[in-house]
Each structure stands twice: as C-alpha cells, then as structure tokens.
Amino acid sequence: MTLDESKTEDDILDEQYGVSILTDKKLTPQLEGATVDYVESRYGGGFEIRTQNSGGGCDSACGSSCGK
C-alpha cells in the first residue's frame, strides 16, 4: 500500500466518510467486501485492511494475500 496524490486511468476512486481511497482496477476482485480502518496500538498507527479473500489469520497490511 502506498499513498498517492493523483488518480491515473488505472485507478478507481471511492469516497466514504470524508476519506478518498484510490485502488488499482486490477485489485478490485481481491478487495471485494474489504473494510479499511485506521487503528492505533502501542506500536503506532496505520491502516488495516480486512478482506474475506485473504488466506486467513493475517493481520498485516503487507499487500500480500497472506497464504494464497
């Protein structure tokens, strides 16, 4: 996951709750039904993506499908 400031023709723009998210079109099937949340812990804060399509048991936001 990276932070971008501009949209390309390969991106989909989604805006909810005052937050804009750009997603590459080719990732749409993997992110179907996913939720994005900002989480803070004693180690710091960051975005957490939870998807039903992951291999299960993965709490990292590494961008990999964790077990697939």
N, C-alpha and C. Protein backbone atom coordinates (compact mmCIF):
# COMPACT_ATOMS: atom_id res chain seq x y z
N MET A 1 0.85 -1.16 0.00
CA MET A 1 0.00 0.00 0.00
C MET A 1 0.91 1.23 0.00
N THR A 2 0.54 2.20 -0.84
CA THR A 2 1.27 3.47 -0.89
C THR A 2 0.27 4.62 -0.86
N LEU A 3 0.76 5.77 -0.56
CA LEU A 3 -0.07 6.97 -0.59
C LEU A 3 0.19 7.71 -1.89
N ASP A 4 -0.86 7.97 -2.65
CA ASP A 4 -0.78 8.71 -3.90
C ASP A 4 -1.61 9.97 -3.79
N GLU A 5 -1.19 10.97 -4.50
CA GLU A 5 -1.93 12.23 -4.50
C GLU A 5 -2.66 12.47 -5.81
N SER A 6 -2.45 11.64 -6.81
CA SER A 6 -3.11 11.84 -8.10
C SER A 6 -3.69 10.52 -8.60
N LYS A 7 -4.79 10.64 -9.35
CA LYS A 7 -5.50 9.49 -9.89
C LYS A 7 -5.02 9.23 -11.31
N THR A 8 -4.81 7.95 -11.65
CA THR A 8 -4.47 7.57 -13.02
C THR A 8 -5.66 6.87 -13.65
N GLU A 9 -5.56 6.58 -14.93
CA GLU A 9 -6.67 5.91 -15.61
C GLU A 9 -6.87 4.48 -15.13
N ASP A 10 -5.88 3.92 -14.44
CA ASP A 10 -5.98 2.55 -13.90
C ASP A 10 -6.54 2.51 -12.48
N ASP A 11 -6.95 3.65 -11.95
CA ASP A 11 -7.44 3.74 -10.57
C ASP A 11 -8.95 3.90 -10.50
N ILE A 12 -9.50 3.41 -9.41
CA ILE A 12 -10.91 3.63 -9.07
C ILE A 12 -10.92 4.50 -7.82
N LEU A 13 -11.72 5.56 -7.83
CA LEU A 13 -11.81 6.46 -6.69
C LEU A 13 -13.06 6.13 -5.89
N ASP A 14 -12.89 5.89 -4.61
CA ASP A 14 -14.01 5.62 -3.71
C ASP A 14 -13.92 6.61 -2.56
N GLU A 15 -15.02 7.27 -2.26
CA GLU A 15 -15.05 8.24 -1.17
C GLU A 15 -16.15 7.86 -0.18
N GLN A 16 -15.76 7.69 1.07
CA GLN A 16 -16.72 7.38 2.14
C GLN A 16 -16.26 8.05 3.42
N TYR A 17 -17.20 8.60 4.15
CA TYR A 17 -16.94 9.22 5.45
C TYR A 17 -15.86 10.31 5.37
N GLY A 18 -15.81 11.01 4.24
CA GLY A 18 -14.84 12.09 4.08
C GLY A 18 -13.44 11.64 3.73
N VAL A 19 -13.27 10.35 3.42
CA VAL A 19 -11.96 9.81 3.07
C VAL A 19 -12.01 9.29 1.63
N SER A 20 -11.00 9.66 0.86
CA SER A 20 -10.90 9.19 -0.53
C SER A 20 -9.85 8.09 -0.60
N ILE A 21 -10.20 7.01 -1.31
CA ILE A 21 -9.28 5.89 -1.48
C ILE A 21 -9.16 5.59 -2.97
N LEU A 22 -7.92 5.55 -3.46
CA LEU A 22 -7.66 5.15 -4.84
C LEU A 22 -7.21 3.69 -4.84
N THR A 23 -7.82 2.90 -5.71
CA THR A 23 -7.47 1.49 -5.81
C THR A 23 -7.19 1.16 -7.27
N ASP A 24 -6.13 0.44 -7.52
CA ASP A 24 -5.84 -0.01 -8.87
C ASP A 24 -6.94 -0.97 -9.32
N LYS A 25 -7.45 -0.78 -10.54
CA LYS A 25 -8.56 -1.60 -11.06
C LYS A 25 -8.27 -3.10 -10.99
N LYS A 26 -7.01 -3.51 -11.19
CA LYS A 26 -6.72 -4.94 -11.20
C LYS A 26 -6.81 -5.58 -9.81
N LEU A 27 -6.87 -4.76 -8.74
CA LEU A 27 -7.00 -5.29 -7.38
C LEU A 27 -8.46 -5.42 -6.93
N THR A 28 -9.39 -4.93 -7.74
CA THR A 28 -10.80 -4.93 -7.36
C THR A 28 -11.31 -6.30 -6.93
N PRO A 29 -11.03 -7.38 -7.67
CA PRO A 29 -11.55 -8.70 -7.23
C PRO A 29 -11.02 -9.12 -5.85
N GLN A 30 -9.76 -8.81 -5.54
CA GLN A 30 -9.18 -9.21 -4.26
C GLN A 30 -9.74 -8.38 -3.11
N LEU A 31 -10.20 -7.17 -3.40
CA LEU A 31 -10.68 -6.28 -2.34
C LEU A 31 -12.20 -6.26 -2.19
N GLU A 32 -12.89 -7.07 -2.95
CA GLU A 32 -14.36 -7.13 -2.87
C GLU A 32 -14.79 -7.47 -1.45
N GLY A 33 -15.59 -6.63 -0.85
CA GLY A 33 -16.08 -6.86 0.51
C GLY A 33 -15.11 -6.46 1.61
N ALA A 34 -13.98 -5.85 1.25
CA ALA A 34 -12.97 -5.48 2.25
C ALA A 34 -13.39 -4.23 3.02
N THR A 35 -12.87 -4.10 4.22
CA THR A 35 -13.05 -2.89 5.02
C THR A 35 -11.69 -2.29 5.33
N VAL A 36 -11.64 -0.97 5.41
CA VAL A 36 -10.41 -0.25 5.74
C VAL A 36 -10.67 0.54 7.01
N ASP A 37 -9.76 0.43 7.96
CA ASP A 37 -9.91 1.12 9.24
C ASP A 37 -8.55 1.67 9.66
N TYR A 38 -8.57 2.80 10.34
CA TYR A 38 -7.33 3.33 10.92
C TYR A 38 -7.25 2.83 12.35
N VAL A 39 -6.16 2.16 12.70
CA VAL A 39 -6.02 1.52 14.00
C VAL A 39 -4.76 2.04 14.68
N GLU A 40 -4.87 2.36 15.97
CA GLU A 40 -3.71 2.77 16.74
C GLU A 40 -3.44 1.72 17.81
N SER A 41 -2.15 1.42 17.99
CA SER A 41 -1.73 0.48 19.03
C SER A 41 -0.52 1.07 19.72
N ARG A 42 0.03 0.34 20.66
CA ARG A 42 1.20 0.85 21.36
C ARG A 42 2.42 0.94 20.44
N TYR A 43 2.36 0.31 19.28
CA TYR A 43 3.45 0.34 18.31
C TYR A 43 3.29 1.45 17.28
N GLY A 44 2.17 2.16 17.32
CA GLY A 44 1.90 3.22 16.36
C GLY A 44 0.55 3.04 15.71
N GLY A 45 0.29 3.80 14.69
CA GLY A 45 -0.98 3.73 14.00
C GLY A 45 -0.80 3.43 12.53
N GLY A 46 -1.88 2.98 11.92
CA GLY A 46 -1.83 2.70 10.49
C GLY A 46 -3.16 2.15 10.00
N PHE A 47 -3.23 2.00 8.70
CA PHE A 47 -4.45 1.48 8.10
C PHE A 47 -4.44 -0.04 8.13
N GLU A 48 -5.59 -0.61 8.43
CA GLU A 48 -5.76 -2.05 8.47
C GLU A 48 -6.82 -2.41 7.44
N ILE A 49 -6.48 -3.32 6.56
CA ILE A 49 -7.42 -3.78 5.55
C ILE A 49 -7.84 -5.19 5.90
N ARG A 50 -9.11 -5.38 6.07
CA ARG A 50 -9.64 -6.72 6.36
C ARG A 50 -10.44 -7.17 5.15
N THR A 51 -10.08 -8.33 4.63
CA THR A 51 -10.75 -8.85 3.45
C THR A 51 -11.14 -10.29 3.66
N GLN A 52 -12.26 -10.65 3.09
CA GLN A 52 -12.75 -12.03 3.19
C GLN A 52 -11.95 -12.94 2.26
N ASN A 53 -11.17 -12.36 1.35
CA ASN A 53 -10.44 -13.14 0.36
C ASN A 53 -9.03 -13.52 0.80
N SER A 54 -8.62 -13.14 2.01
CA SER A 54 -7.28 -13.50 2.46
C SER A 54 -7.24 -14.96 2.86
N GLY A 55 -6.04 -15.47 3.01
CA GLY A 55 -5.86 -16.87 3.38
C GLY A 55 -6.24 -17.15 4.82
N GLY A 56 -6.54 -16.11 5.59
CA GLY A 56 -6.95 -16.28 6.98
C GLY A 56 -5.80 -16.05 7.93
N GLY A 57 -6.09 -15.43 9.05
CA GLY A 57 -5.11 -15.25 10.10
C GLY A 57 -4.07 -14.19 9.87
N CYS A 58 -4.23 -13.36 8.88
CA CYS A 58 -3.23 -12.35 8.58
C CYS A 58 -3.71 -10.99 9.08
N ASP A 59 -2.95 -10.38 9.97
CA ASP A 59 -3.32 -9.08 10.50
C ASP A 59 -2.42 -7.97 9.96
N SER A 60 -1.55 -8.29 9.01
CA SER A 60 -0.65 -7.27 8.49
C SER A 60 -1.26 -6.61 7.26
N ALA A 61 -0.78 -5.42 6.97
CA ALA A 61 -1.23 -4.71 5.77
C ALA A 61 -0.09 -4.72 4.75
N CYS A 62 0.45 -5.89 4.50
CA CYS A 62 1.64 -6.00 3.65
C CYS A 62 1.31 -5.91 2.18
N GLY A 63 0.02 -6.06 1.83
CA GLY A 63 -0.35 -6.05 0.43
C GLY A 63 -0.37 -7.43 -0.21
N SER A 64 0.10 -8.43 0.52
CA SER A 64 0.05 -9.80 0.01
C SER A 64 -1.26 -10.43 0.44
N SER A 65 -1.61 -11.52 -0.20
CA SER A 65 -2.88 -12.17 0.12
C SER A 65 -2.75 -13.17 1.26
N CYS A 66 -1.64 -13.19 1.96
CA CYS A 66 -1.45 -13.98 3.19
C CYS A 66 -1.91 -15.42 3.04
N GLY A 67 -1.14 -16.21 2.40
CA GLY A 67 -1.46 -17.63 2.32
C GLY A 67 -2.07 -18.08 1.01
N LYS A 68 -2.29 -17.15 0.09
CA LYS A 68 -2.82 -17.55 -1.22
C LYS A 68 -1.74 -17.50 -2.24
